[in-house]
PDB file of N, CA and C in Angstrom:
ATOM      1  N   MET A   1     225.092 338.352  -1.709  1.00  0.00           N
ATOM      2  CA  MET A   1     224.279 339.520  -1.424  1.00  0.00           C
ATOM      3  C   MET A   1     223.274 339.172  -0.328  1.00  0.00           C
ATOM      4  N   VAL A   2     223.240 339.948   0.727  1.00  0.00           N
ATOM      5  CA  VAL A   2     222.281 339.770   1.802  1.00  0.00           C
ATOM      6  C   VAL A   2     221.115 340.723   1.548  1.00  0.00           C
ATOM      7  N   THR A   3     219.901 340.201   1.689  1.00  0.00           N
ATOM      8  CA  THR A   3     218.693 340.965   1.414  1.00  0.00           C
ATOM      9  C   THR A   3     217.769 340.944   2.617  1.00  0.00           C
ATOM     10  N   ALA A   4     217.133 342.089   2.883  1.00  0.00           N
ATOM     11  CA  ALA A   4     216.099 342.178   3.915  1.00  0.00           C
ATOM     12  C   ALA A   4     214.784 342.484   3.217  1.00  0.00           C
ATOM     13  N   LYS A   5     213.741 341.658   3.499  1.00  0.00           N
ATOM     14  CA  LYS A   5     212.431 341.835   2.867  1.00  0.00           C
ATOM     15  C   LYS A   5     211.328 341.789   3.913  1.00  0.00           C
ATOM     16  N   TRP A   6     210.303 342.587   3.674  1.00  0.00           N
ATOM     17  CA  TRP A   6     209.096 342.514   4.482  1.00  0.00           C
ATOM     18  C   TRP A   6     207.920 342.795   3.561  1.00  0.00           C
ATOM     19  N   ASN A   7     206.860 342.012   3.670  1.00  0.00           N
ATOM     20  CA  ASN A   7     205.699 342.117   2.780  1.00  0.00           C
ATOM     21  C   ASN A   7     206.099 342.028   1.305  1.00  0.00           C
ATOM     22  N   ASP A   8     207.044 341.140   1.024  1.00  0.00           N
ATOM     23  CA  ASP A   8     207.528 340.889  -0.342  1.00  0.00           C
ATOM     24  C   ASP A   8     208.210 342.085  -0.984  1.00  0.00           C
ATOM     25  N   VAL A   9     208.656 343.050  -0.186  1.00  0.00           N
ATOM     26  CA  VAL A   9     209.362 344.223  -0.708  1.00  0.00           C
ATOM     27  C   VAL A   9     210.781 344.224  -0.149  1.00  0.00           C
ATOM     28  N   VAL A  10     211.753 344.447  -1.020  1.00  0.00           N
ATOM     29  CA  VAL A  10     213.151 344.521  -0.588  1.00  0.00           C
ATOM     30  C   VAL A  10     213.383 345.848   0.131  1.00  0.00           C
ATOM     31  N   LEU A  11     213.813 345.745   1.378  1.00  0.00           N
ATOM     32  CA  LEU A  11     214.103 346.927   2.194  1.00  0.00           C
ATOM     33  C   LEU A  11     215.570 347.309   2.130  1.00  0.00           C
ATOM     34  N   ALA A  12     216.435 346.294   1.976  1.00  0.00           N
ATOM     35  CA  ALA A  12     217.879 346.529   1.978  1.00  0.00           C
ATOM     36  C   ALA A  12     218.585 345.403   1.238  1.00  0.00           C
ATOM     37  N   GLU A  13     219.717 345.752   0.621  1.00  0.00           N
ATOM     38  CA  GLU A  13     220.577 344.773  -0.048  1.00  0.00           C
ATOM     39  C   GLU A  13     222.013 345.218   0.124  1.00  0.00           C
ATOM     40  N   SER A  14     222.878 344.281   0.484  1.00  0.00           N
ATOM     41  CA  SER A  14     224.290 344.630   0.618  1.00  0.00           C
ATOM     42  C   SER A  14     225.149 343.379   0.655  1.00  0.00           C
ATOM     43  N   GLU A  15     226.363 343.509   0.160  1.00  0.00           N
ATOM     44  CA  GLU A  15     227.368 342.458   0.301  1.00  0.00           C
ATOM     45  C   GLU A  15     228.271 342.780   1.487  1.00  0.00           C
ATOM     46  N   ASN A  16     227.940 343.866   2.198  1.00  0.00           N
ATOM     47  CA  ASN A  16     228.789 344.354   3.271  1.00  0.00           C
ATOM     48  C   ASN A  16     228.002 344.513   4.570  1.00  0.00           C
ATOM     49  N   THR A  17     227.451 343.410   5.083  1.00  0.00           N
ATOM     50  CA  THR A  17     226.757 343.473   6.374  1.00  0.00           C
ATOM     51  C   THR A  17     227.727 343.048   7.473  1.00  0.00           C
ATOM     52  N   VAL A  18     227.423 343.492   8.676  1.00  0.00           N
ATOM     53  CA  VAL A  18     228.179 343.088   9.854  1.00  0.00           C
ATOM     54  C   VAL A  18     227.210 342.297  10.724  1.00  0.00           C
ATOM     55  N   ILE A  19     227.605 341.098  11.143  1.00  0.00           N
ATOM     56  CA  ILE A  19     226.733 340.263  11.967  1.00  0.00           C
ATOM     57  C   ILE A  19     227.128 340.408  13.433  1.00  0.00           C
ATOM     58  N   VAL A  20     226.157 340.843  14.232  1.00  0.00           N
ATOM     59  CA  VAL A  20     226.344 340.974  15.675  1.00  0.00           C
ATOM     60  C   VAL A  20     225.149 340.314  16.347  1.00  0.00           C
ATOM     61  N   GLU A  21     225.424 339.390  17.233  1.00  0.00           N
ATOM     62  CA  GLU A  21     224.387 338.660  17.957  1.00  0.00           C
ATOM     63  C   GLU A  21     223.335 338.073  17.020  1.00  0.00           C
ATOM     64  N   GLY A  22     223.777 337.554  15.878  1.00  0.00           N
ATOM     65  CA  GLY A  22     222.886 336.904  14.929  1.00  0.00           C
ATOM     66  C   GLY A  22     222.121 337.836  14.011  1.00  0.00           C
ATOM     67  N   ASN A  23     222.314 339.146  14.148  1.00  0.00           N
ATOM     68  CA  ASN A  23     221.609 340.122  13.300  1.00  0.00           C
ATOM     69  C   ASN A  23     222.558 340.726  12.274  1.00  0.00           C
ATOM     70  N   HIS A  24     222.079 340.821  11.033  1.00  0.00           N
ATOM     71  CA  HIS A  24     222.837 341.496   9.984  1.00  0.00           C
ATOM     72  C   HIS A  24     222.601 342.993  10.108  1.00  0.00           C
ATOM     73  N   TYR A  25     223.661 343.741  10.231  1.00  0.00           N
ATOM     74  CA  TYR A  25     223.591 345.202  10.240  1.00  0.00           C
ATOM     75  C   TYR A  25     223.991 345.685   8.854  1.00  0.00           C
ATOM     76  N   PHE A  26     223.027 346.322   8.182  1.00  0.00           N
ATOM     77  CA  PHE A  26     223.232 346.816   6.824  1.00  0.00           C
ATOM     78  C   PHE A  26     223.777 348.242   6.851  1.00  0.00           C
ATOM     79  N   PRO A  27     224.659 348.581   5.914  1.00  0.00           N
ATOM     80  CA  PRO A  27     225.057 349.987   5.819  1.00  0.00           C
ATOM     81  C   PRO A  27     223.817 350.844   5.590  1.00  0.00           C
ATOM     82  N   ARG A  28     223.774 352.007   6.216  1.00  0.00           N
ATOM     83  CA  ARG A  28     222.602 352.882   6.103  1.00  0.00           C
ATOM     84  C   ARG A  28     222.259 353.173   4.637  1.00  0.00           C
ATOM     85  N   ASP A  29     223.270 353.357   3.803  1.00  0.00           N
ATOM     86  CA  ASP A  29     222.992 353.693   2.394  1.00  0.00           C
ATOM     87  C   ASP A  29     222.517 352.497   1.577  1.00  0.00           C
ATOM     88  N   ALA A  30     222.481 351.285   2.185  1.00  0.00           N
ATOM     89  CA  ALA A  30     221.963 350.097   1.502  1.00  0.00           C
ATOM     90  C   ALA A  30     220.492 349.848   1.843  1.00  0.00           C
ATOM     91  N   VAL A  31     219.927 350.698   2.717  1.00  0.00           N
ATOM     92  CA  VAL A  31     218.544 350.549   3.163  1.00  0.00           C
ATOM     93  C   VAL A  31     217.689 351.614   2.489  1.00  0.00           C
ATOM     94  N   TRP A  32     216.556 351.191   1.925  1.00  0.00           N
ATOM     95  CA  TRP A  32     215.650 352.129   1.266  1.00  0.00           C
ATOM     96  C   TRP A  32     214.967 352.996   2.321  1.00  0.00           C
ATOM     97  N   SER A  33     215.356 354.255   2.413  1.00  0.00           N
ATOM     98  CA  SER A  33     214.820 355.149   3.439  1.00  0.00           C
ATOM     99  C   SER A  33     213.330 355.428   3.258  1.00  0.00           C
ATOM    100  N   LYS A  34     212.813 355.227   2.044  1.00  0.00           N
ATOM    101  CA  LYS A  34     211.387 355.495   1.815  1.00  0.00           C
ATOM    102  C   LYS A  34     210.484 354.545   2.596  1.00  0.00           C
ATOM    103  N   TYR A  35     211.041 353.433   3.095  1.00  0.00           N
ATOM    104  CA  TYR A  35     210.253 352.482   3.878  1.00  0.00           C
ATOM    105  C   TYR A  35     210.425 352.673   5.386  1.00  0.00           C
ATOM    106  N   LEU A  36     211.259 353.631   5.791  1.00  0.00           N
ATOM    107  CA  LEU A  36     211.541 353.855   7.204  1.00  0.00           C
ATOM    108  C   LEU A  36     210.787 355.058   7.739  1.00  0.00           C
ATOM    109  N   LEU A  37     210.237 354.896   8.924  1.00  0.00           N
ATOM    110  CA  LEU A  37     209.552 355.985   9.613  1.00  0.00           C
ATOM    111  C   LEU A  37     210.163 356.095  11.006  1.00  0.00           C
ATOM    112  N   HIS A  38     210.608 357.298  11.361  1.00  0.00           N
ATOM    113  CA  HIS A  38     211.227 357.501  12.669  1.00  0.00           C
ATOM    114  C   HIS A  38     210.277 357.071  13.784  1.00  0.00           C
ATOM    115  N   SER A  39     210.839 356.450  14.794  1.00  0.00           N
ATOM    116  CA  SER A  39     210.083 356.045  15.975  1.00  0.00           C
ATOM    117  C   SER A  39     210.714 356.717  17.194  1.00  0.00           C
ATOM    118  N   ASP A  40     209.918 357.007  18.186  1.00  0.00           N
ATOM    119  CA  ASP A  40     210.441 357.574  19.432  1.00  0.00           C
ATOM    120  C   ASP A  40     210.949 356.497  20.386  1.00  0.00           C
ATOM    121  N   THR A  41     210.848 355.231  19.983  1.00  0.00           N
ATOM    122  CA  THR A  41     211.295 354.125  20.825  1.00  0.00           C
ATOM    123  C   THR A  41     212.820 354.123  20.925  1.00  0.00           C
ATOM    124  N   SER A  42     213.305 353.785  22.097  1.00  0.00           N
ATOM    125  CA  SER A  42     214.742 353.615  22.294  1.00  0.00           C
ATOM    126  C   SER A  42     214.956 352.465  23.276  1.00  0.00           C
ATOM    127  N   SER A  43     216.158 351.940  23.296  1.00  0.00           N
ATOM    128  CA  SER A  43     216.510 350.889  24.239  1.00  0.00           C
ATOM    129  C   SER A  43     217.998 351.019  24.550  1.00  0.00           C
ATOM    130  N   HIS A  44     218.437 350.265  25.530  1.00  0.00           N
ATOM    131  CA  HIS A  44     219.841 350.340  25.936  1.00  0.00           C
ATOM    132  C   HIS A  44     220.437 348.937  26.002  1.00  0.00           C
ATOM    133  N   CYS A  45     221.622 348.804  25.450  1.00  0.00           N
ATOM    134  CA  CYS A  45     222.408 347.575  25.541  1.00  0.00           C
ATOM    135  C   CYS A  45     223.676 347.922  26.324  1.00  0.00           C
ATOM    136  N   PRO A  46     224.022 347.140  27.329  1.00  0.00           N
ATOM    137  CA  PRO A  46     225.197 347.463  28.144  1.00  0.00           C
ATOM    138  C   PRO A  46     226.504 347.579  27.354  1.00  0.00           C
ATOM    139  N   TRP A  47     226.652 346.796  26.289  1.00  0.00           N
ATOM    140  CA  TRP A  47     227.931 346.858  25.570  1.00  0.00           C
ATOM    141  C   TRP A  47     227.860 347.596  24.234  1.00  0.00           C
ATOM    142  N   LYS A  48     226.649 347.752  23.669  1.00  0.00           N
ATOM    143  CA  LYS A  48     226.529 348.473  22.395  1.00  0.00           C
ATOM    144  C   LYS A  48     226.128 349.933  22.587  1.00  0.00           C
ATOM    145  N   GLY A  49     225.351 350.223  23.621  1.00  0.00           N
ATOM    146  CA  GLY A  49     224.926 351.597  23.872  1.00  0.00           C
ATOM    147  C   GLY A  49     223.432 351.764  23.688  1.00  0.00           C
ATOM    148  N   ASP A  50     223.015 352.979  23.328  1.00  0.00           N
ATOM    149  CA  ASP A  50     221.603 353.316  23.178  1.00  0.00           C
ATOM    150  C   ASP A  50     221.158 353.148  21.728  1.00  0.00           C
ATOM    151  N   ALA A  51     220.081 352.385  21.545  1.00  0.00           N
ATOM    152  CA  ALA A  51     219.540 352.124  20.205  1.00  0.00           C
ATOM    153  C   ALA A  51     218.343 353.020  19.943  1.00  0.00           C
ATOM    154  N   SER A  52     218.204 353.431  18.688  1.00  0.00           N
ATOM    155  CA  SER A  52     217.027 354.150  18.209  1.00  0.00           C
ATOM    156  C   SER A  52     216.334 353.254  17.190  1.00  0.00           C
ATOM    157  N   TYR A  53     215.045 353.533  16.927  1.00  0.00           N
ATOM    158  CA  TYR A  53     214.247 352.633  16.094  1.00  0.00           C
ATOM    159  C   TYR A  53     213.568 353.352  14.939  1.00  0.00           C
ATOM    160  N   HIS A  54     213.242 352.546  13.935  1.00  0.00           N
ATOM    161  CA  HIS A  54     212.395 352.957  12.820  1.00  0.00           C
ATOM    162  C   HIS A  54     211.251 351.954  12.733  1.00  0.00           C
ATOM    163  N   SER A  55     210.078 352.433  12.382  1.00  0.00           N
ATOM    164  CA  SER A  55     208.999 351.542  11.968  1.00  0.00           C
ATOM    165  C   SER A  55     209.109 351.389  10.464  1.00  0.00           C
ATOM    166  N   LEU A  56     208.555 350.310   9.934  1.00  0.00           N
ATOM    167  CA  LEU A  56     208.553 350.079   8.491  1.00  0.00           C
ATOM    168  C   LEU A  56     207.166 350.377   7.946  1.00  0.00           C
ATOM    169  N   ILE A  57     207.124 350.996   6.777  1.00  0.00           N
ATOM    170  CA  ILE A  57     205.854 351.228   6.097  1.00  0.00           C
ATOM    171  C   ILE A  57     205.996 350.718   4.671  1.00  0.00           C
ATOM    172  N   VAL A  58     205.186 349.695   4.344  1.00  0.00           N
ATOM    173  CA  VAL A  58     205.209 349.088   3.012  1.00  0.00           C
ATOM    174  C   VAL A  58     203.764 348.901   2.564  1.00  0.00           C
ATOM    175  N   ASP A  59     203.438 349.479   1.433  1.00  0.00           N
ATOM    176  CA  ASP A  59     202.094 349.342   0.857  1.00  0.00           C
ATOM    177  C   ASP A  59     200.992 349.638   1.873  1.00  0.00           C
ATOM    178  N   GLY A  60     201.179 350.673   2.665  1.00  0.00           N
ATOM    179  CA  GLY A  60     200.172 351.100   3.622  1.00  0.00           C
ATOM    180  C   GLY A  60     200.150 350.326   4.927  1.00  0.00           C
ATOM    181  N   GLU A  61     200.976 349.285   5.051  1.00  0.00           N
ATOM    182  CA  GLU A  61     201.048 348.512   6.298  1.00  0.00           C
ATOM    183  C   GLU A  61     202.261 348.951   7.105  1.00  0.00           C
ATOM    184  N   THR A  62     202.083 348.995   8.411  1.00  0.00           N
ATOM    185  CA  THR A  62     203.156 349.438   9.304  1.00  0.00           C
ATOM    186  C   THR A  62     203.629 348.285  10.175  1.00  0.00           C
ATOM    187  N   ASN A  63     204.925 348.184  10.329  1.00  0.00           N
ATOM    188  CA  ASN A  63     205.558 347.216  11.214  1.00  0.00           C
ATOM    189  C   ASN A  63     206.322 348.044  12.259  1.00  0.00           C
ATOM    190  N   PRO A  64     205.714 348.267  13.424  1.00  0.00           N
ATOM    191  CA  PRO A  64     206.305 349.173  14.413  1.00  0.00           C
ATOM    192  C   PRO A  64     207.659 348.709  14.948  1.00  0.00           C
ATOM    193  N   ASP A  65     208.589 349.648  14.994  1.00  0.00           N
ATOM    194  CA  ASP A  65     209.898 349.426  15.623  1.00  0.00           C
ATOM    195  C   ASP A  65     210.618 348.188  15.097  1.00  0.00           C
ATOM    196  N   ALA A  66     210.523 347.920  13.819  1.00  0.00           N
ATOM    197  CA  ALA A  66     211.098 346.706  13.234  1.00  0.00           C
ATOM    198  C   ALA A  66     212.551 346.864  12.796  1.00  0.00           C
ATOM    199  N   ALA A  67     213.078 348.075  12.867  1.00  0.00           N
ATOM    200  CA  ALA A  67     214.477 348.311  12.499  1.00  0.00           C
ATOM    201  C   ALA A  67     215.126 349.151  13.596  1.00  0.00           C
ATOM    202  N   TRP A  68     216.392 348.879  13.864  1.00  0.00           N
ATOM    203  CA  TRP A  68     217.083 349.669  14.881  1.00  0.00           C
ATOM    204  C   TRP A  68     218.506 349.970  14.453  1.00  0.00           C
ATOM    205  N   TYR A  69     219.056 350.976  15.122  1.00  0.00           N
ATOM    206  CA  TYR A  69     220.429 351.394  14.861  1.00  0.00           C
ATOM    207  C   TYR A  69     220.990 352.058  16.117  1.00  0.00           C
ATOM    208  N   TYR A  70     222.290 352.152  16.171  1.00  0.00           N
ATOM    209  CA  TYR A  70     222.986 352.774  17.290  1.00  0.00           C
ATOM    210  C   TYR A  70     223.651 354.051  16.781  1.00  0.00           C
ATOM    211  N   PRO A  71     223.068 355.215  17.044  1.00  0.00           N
ATOM    212  CA  PRO A  71     223.629 356.472  16.527  1.00  0.00           C
ATOM    213  C   PRO A  71     225.065 356.714  16.995  1.00  0.00           C
ATOM    214  N   THR A  72     225.342 356.390  18.241  1.00  0.00           N
ATOM    215  CA  THR A  72     226.700 356.548  18.779  1.00  0.00           C
ATOM    216  C   THR A  72     227.032 355.307  19.612  1.00  0.00           C
ATOM    217  N   PRO A  73     227.368 354.207  18.927  1.00  0.00           N
ATOM    218  CA  PRO A  73     227.646 352.970  19.657  1.00  0.00           C
ATOM    219  C   PRO A  73     228.894 353.107  20.531  1.00  0.00           C
ATOM    220  N   LYS A  74     228.929 352.303  21.575  1.00  0.00           N
ATOM    221  CA  LYS A  74     230.122 352.251  22.409  1.00  0.00           C
ATOM    222  C   LYS A  74     231.286 351.694  21.595  1.00  0.00           C
ATOM    223  N   GLU A  75     232.492 351.903  22.083  1.00  0.00           N
ATOM    224  CA  GLU A  75     233.691 351.483  21.362  1.00  0.00           C
ATOM    225  C   GLU A  75     233.677 349.999  20.999  1.00  0.00           C
ATOM    226  N   ALA A  76     233.150 349.162  21.885  1.00  0.00           N
ATOM    227  CA  ALA A  76     233.110 347.721  21.631  1.00  0.00           C
ATOM    228  C   ALA A  76     232.237 347.362  20.428  1.00  0.00           C
ATOM    229  N   ALA A  77     231.320 348.263  20.051  1.00  0.00           N
ATOM    230  CA  ALA A  77     230.399 348.012  18.934  1.00  0.00           C
ATOM    231  C   ALA A  77     230.602 349.024  17.803  1.00  0.00           C
ATOM    232  N   ALA A  78     231.773 349.598  17.721  1.00  0.00           N
ATOM    233  CA  ALA A  78     232.041 350.641  16.720  1.00  0.00           C
ATOM    234  C   ALA A  78     231.749 350.176  15.292  1.00  0.00           C
ATOM    235  N   GLU A  79     231.854 348.881  15.034  1.00  0.00           N
ATOM    236  CA  GLU A  79     231.649 348.363  13.674  1.00  0.00           C
ATOM    237  C   GLU A  79     230.202 348.501  13.187  1.00  0.00           C
ATOM    238  N   ILE A  80     229.246 348.769  14.080  1.00  0.00           N
ATOM    239  CA  ILE A  80     227.850 348.909  13.639  1.00  0.00           C
ATOM    240  C   ILE A  80     227.405 350.364  13.519  1.00  0.00           C
ATOM    241  N   LYS A  81     228.327 351.298  13.665  1.00  0.00           N
ATOM    242  CA  LYS A  81     227.978 352.709  13.467  1.00  0.00           C
ATOM    243  C   LYS A  81     227.504 352.904  12.027  1.00  0.00           C
ATOM    244  N   ASP A  82     226.450 353.686  11.857  1.00  0.00           N
ATOM    245  CA  ASP A  82     225.857 353.965  10.544  1.00  0.00           C
ATOM    246  C   ASP A  82     225.310 352.709   9.868  1.00  0.00           C
ATOM    247  N   ARG A  83     224.816 351.762  10.673  1.00  0.00           N
ATOM    248  CA  ARG A  83     224.232 350.527  10.151  1.00  0.00           C
ATOM    249  C   ARG A  83     222.875 350.283  10.799  1.00  0.00           C
ATOM    250  N   ILE A  84     222.015 349.572  10.075  1.00  0.00           N
ATOM    251  CA  ILE A  84     220.649 349.291  10.519  1.00  0.00           C
ATOM    252  C   ILE A  84     220.415 347.781  10.509  1.00  0.00           C
ATOM    253  N   ALA A  85     219.767 347.289  11.560  1.00  0.00           N
ATOM    254  CA  ALA A  85     219.388 345.871  11.648  1.00  0.00           C
ATOM    255  C   ALA A  85     217.867 345.776  11.709  1.00  0.00           C
ATOM    256  N   PHE A  86     217.374 344.563  11.459  1.00  0.00           N
ATOM    257  CA  PHE A  86     215.917 344.343  11.400  1.00  0.00           C
ATOM    258  C   PHE A  86     215.501 343.240  12.360  1.00  0.00           C
ATOM    259  N   ARG A  87     214.290 343.368  12.877  1.00  0.00           N
ATOM    260  CA  ARG A  87     213.699 342.377  13.774  1.00  0.00           C
ATOM    261  C   ARG A  87     213.455 341.071  13.014  1.00  0.00           C
ATOM    262  N   ASN A  88     213.221 339.999  13.770  1.00  0.00           N
ATOM    263  CA  ASN A  88     213.087 338.663  13.181  1.00  0.00           C
ATOM    264  C   ASN A  88     211.917 338.503  12.221  1.00  0.00           C
ATOM    265  N   ASP A  89     210.890 339.356  12.286  1.00  0.00           N
ATOM    266  CA  ASP A  89     209.784 339.205  11.344  1.00  0.00           C
ATOM    267  C   ASP A  89     210.081 339.816   9.980  1.00  0.00           C
ATOM    268  N   VAL A  90     211.258 340.394   9.827  1.00  0.00           N
ATOM    269  CA  VAL A  90     211.757 340.829   8.517  1.00  0.00           C
ATOM    270  C   VAL A  90     212.651 339.687   8.022  1.00  0.00           C
ATOM    271  N   GLU A  91     212.398 339.238   6.807  1.00  0.00           N
ATOM    272  CA  GLU A  91     213.159 338.109   6.248  1.00  0.00           C
ATOM    273  C   GLU A  91     214.521 338.591   5.765  1.00  0.00           C
ATOM    274  N   VAL A  92     215.566 338.113   6.417  1.00  0.00           N
ATOM    275  CA  VAL A  92     216.938 338.436   6.008  1.00  0.00           C
ATOM    276  C   VAL A  92     217.560 337.151   5.470  1.00  0.00           C
ATOM    277  N   SER A  93     218.027 337.193   4.233  1.00  0.00           N
ATOM    278  CA  SER A  93     218.582 335.995   3.609  1.00  0.00           C
ATOM    279  C   SER A  93     219.788 336.354   2.756  1.00  0.00           C
ATOM    280  N   GLY A  94     220.560 335.340   2.474  1.00  0.00           N
ATOM    281  CA  GLY A  94     221.709 335.535   1.614  1.00  0.00           C
ATOM    282  C   GLY A  94     222.893 335.026   2.252  1.00  0.00           C
TER     283      GLY A  94
END
């Protein structure tokens, strides 16, 4: 089981993550949406496409843009559709 934690709170758990460029991409339904806050931040990857972001909110603390996903990934990254990854300051283990 792979787990993502921040501020000692489990944000996501899954036995079905996809690893791309060293990041575990969790299925969207394995991530607790109550800790996610939409962000207007976006970025572009030449081979994955356009990424959108979420900030994390745990116990009143915010971690800006700490989670990202590709709403419509390019064909080369189709395996990460409907999946969320976390920045390095989120502890991912398992």
